[in-house]
Amino acid sequence: MPGPAHATHQTQLSSYSRLVRRVNLTLTTPRAQRERQANLCPSSSDRPEDWERLLEEIEQAEGVALTHRPDGSIHVRWLRTEH
């Protein structure tokens, strides 16, 4: 039977997964795809460590630029990918 650490880890994964899903929905809207940019805002239900982890992962992507705004939102821009 998993111990308390396992339960905590599962909660963190699910909160991060929910955040990733929400951000992916924002980044894949027709407008965001057409303009190759979007604004991301943390939700009051987002865990701060999940938000920081996501931003670190986005920053590592090639051709992506993040601009941190004074209101706490993030402006994301990306280059067109060639197929």
C-alpha atoms as a PDB file:
ATOM      1  CA  MET A   1       0.000   0.000   0.000  1.00  0.00           C
ATOM      2  CA  PRO A   2       1.465   3.410  -0.944  1.00  0.00           C
ATOM      3  CA  GLY A   3       2.465   5.720   1.878  1.00  0.00           C
ATOM      4  CA  PRO A   4       1.733   9.437   2.412  1.00  0.00           C
ATOM      5  CA  ALA A   5       4.554  10.519   0.059  1.00  0.00           C
ATOM      6  CA  HIS A   6       2.863   8.635  -2.790  1.00  0.00           C
ATOM      7  CA  ALA A   7      -0.449  10.415  -2.167  1.00  0.00           C
ATOM      8  CA  THR A   8       1.272  13.830  -2.145  1.00  0.00           C
ATOM      9  CA  HIS A   9       3.089  13.022  -5.379  1.00  0.00           C
ATOM     10  CA  GLN A  10      -0.179  12.019  -7.075  1.00  0.00           C
ATOM     11  CA  THR A  11      -1.801  15.321  -6.012  1.00  0.00           C
ATOM     12  CA  GLN A  12       1.114  17.308  -7.417  1.00  0.00           C
ATOM     13  CA  LEU A  13       0.967  15.429 -10.700  1.00  0.00           C
ATOM     14  CA  SER A  14      -2.737  15.955 -11.102  1.00  0.00           C
ATOM     15  CA  SER A  15      -2.564  19.684 -10.280  1.00  0.00           C
ATOM     16  CA  TYR A  16       0.310  20.104 -12.745  1.00  0.00           C
ATOM     17  CA  SER A  17      -1.548  18.073 -15.366  1.00  0.00           C
ATOM     18  CA  ARG A  18      -4.603  20.283 -14.965  1.00  0.00           C
ATOM     19  CA  LEU A  19      -2.438  23.386 -15.393  1.00  0.00           C
ATOM     20  CA  VAL A  20      -0.749  21.987 -18.511  1.00  0.00           C
ATOM     21  CA  ARG A  21      -4.127  21.101 -20.015  1.00  0.00           C
ATOM     22  CA  ARG A  22      -5.474  24.609 -19.380  1.00  0.00           C
ATOM     23  CA  VAL A  23      -2.386  26.276 -20.866  1.00  0.00           C
ATOM     24  CA  ASN A  24      -2.414  23.946 -23.886  1.00  0.00           C
ATOM     25  CA  LEU A  25      -6.029  24.913 -24.567  1.00  0.00           C
ATOM     26  CA  THR A  26      -4.983  28.580 -24.549  1.00  0.00           C
ATOM     27  CA  LEU A  27      -1.959  28.030 -26.793  1.00  0.00           C
ATOM     28  CA  THR A  28      -3.867  25.973 -29.350  1.00  0.00           C
ATOM     29  CA  THR A  29      -6.772  28.347 -29.970  1.00  0.00           C
ATOM     30  CA  PRO A  30      -7.070  29.388 -33.620  1.00  0.00           C
ATOM     31  CA  ARG A  31      -6.203  32.994 -32.744  1.00  0.00           C
ATOM     32  CA  ALA A  32      -3.099  32.051 -30.736  1.00  0.00           C
ATOM     33  CA  GLN A  33      -1.945  29.749 -33.526  1.00  0.00           C
ATOM     34  CA  ARG A  34      -2.537  32.368 -36.204  1.00  0.00           C
ATOM     35  CA  GLU A  35      -0.774  35.143 -34.247  1.00  0.00           C
ATOM     36  CA  ARG A  36       1.818  32.792 -32.683  1.00  0.00           C
ATOM     37  CA  GLN A  37       1.325  34.418 -29.303  1.00  0.00           C
ATOM     38  CA  ALA A  38      -0.845  34.178 -26.217  1.00  0.00           C
ATOM     39  CA  ASN A  39      -1.182  35.551 -22.720  1.00  0.00           C
ATOM     40  CA  LEU A  40      -1.060  33.132 -19.815  1.00  0.00           C
ATOM     41  CA  CYS A  41      -2.394  34.019 -16.394  1.00  0.00           C
ATOM     42  CA  PRO A  42      -2.025  31.950 -13.255  1.00  0.00           C
ATOM     43  CA  SER A  43      -5.317  30.898 -11.728  1.00  0.00           C
ATOM     44  CA  SER A  44      -5.950  31.182  -8.010  1.00  0.00           C
ATOM     45  CA  SER A  45      -6.207  27.383  -7.982  1.00  0.00           C
ATOM     46  CA  ASP A  46      -2.735  26.902  -9.530  1.00  0.00           C
ATOM     47  CA  ARG A  47       0.003  25.801  -7.197  1.00  0.00           C
ATOM     48  CA  PRO A  48       2.908  28.294  -7.376  1.00  0.00           C
ATOM     49  CA  GLU A  49       5.424  25.465  -7.821  1.00  0.00           C
ATOM     50  CA  ASP A  50       3.386  24.065 -10.744  1.00  0.00           C
ATOM     51  CA  TRP A  51       3.268  27.497 -12.400  1.00  0.00           C
ATOM     52  CA  GLU A  52       7.049  27.940 -12.009  1.00  0.00           C
ATOM     53  CA  ARG A  53       7.717  24.445 -13.354  1.00  0.00           C
ATOM     54  CA  LEU A  54       5.550  25.098 -16.395  1.00  0.00           C
ATOM     55  CA  LEU A  55       7.266  28.418 -17.135  1.00  0.00           C
ATOM     56  CA  GLU A  56      10.693  26.778 -16.859  1.00  0.00           C
ATOM     57  CA  GLU A  57       9.629  24.098 -19.325  1.00  0.00           C
ATOM     58  CA  ILE A  58       8.191  26.639 -21.764  1.00  0.00           C
ATOM     59  CA  GLU A  59      11.367  28.737 -21.565  1.00  0.00           C
ATOM     60  CA  GLN A  60      13.434  25.703 -22.587  1.00  0.00           C
ATOM     61  CA  ALA A  61      11.493  25.273 -25.834  1.00  0.00           C
ATOM     62  CA  GLU A  62      13.359  26.441 -28.912  1.00  0.00           C
ATOM     63  CA  GLY A  63      11.961  29.552 -30.599  1.00  0.00           C
ATOM     64  CA  VAL A  64       9.804  30.594 -27.641  1.00  0.00           C
ATOM     65  CA  ALA A  65      10.040  33.944 -25.841  1.00  0.00           C
ATOM     66  CA  LEU A  66       8.354  34.767 -22.546  1.00  0.00           C
ATOM     67  CA  THR A  67       7.699  38.271 -21.271  1.00  0.00           C
ATOM     68  CA  HIS A  68       6.769  38.575 -17.612  1.00  0.00           C
ATOM     69  CA  ARG A  69       4.204  41.317 -17.082  1.00  0.00           C
ATOM     70  CA  PRO A  70       3.697  43.416 -13.931  1.00  0.00           C
ATOM     71  CA  ASP A  71       0.241  41.893 -13.329  1.00  0.00           C
ATOM     72  CA  GLY A  72       1.756  38.399 -13.045  1.00  0.00           C
ATOM     73  CA  SER A  73       0.681  37.249 -16.497  1.00  0.00           C
ATOM     74  CA  ILE A  74       3.077  35.928 -19.103  1.00  0.00           C
ATOM     75  CA  HIS A  75       3.120  36.880 -22.783  1.00  0.00           C
ATOM     76  CA  VAL A  76       4.313  33.919 -24.875  1.00  0.00           C
ATOM     77  CA  ARG A  77       5.523  34.273 -28.460  1.00  0.00           C
ATOM     78  CA  TRP A  78       6.828  31.520 -30.708  1.00  0.00           C
ATOM     79  CA  LEU A  79       8.299  31.185 -34.165  1.00  0.00           C
ATOM     80  CA  ARG A  80       6.492  29.436 -36.950  1.00  0.00           C
ATOM     81  CA  THR A  81       7.635  25.828 -37.254  1.00  0.00           C
ATOM     82  CA  GLU A  82       8.547  24.627 -40.707  1.00  0.00           C
ATOM     83  CA  HIS A  83       7.245  21.211 -41.812  1.00  0.00           C
END
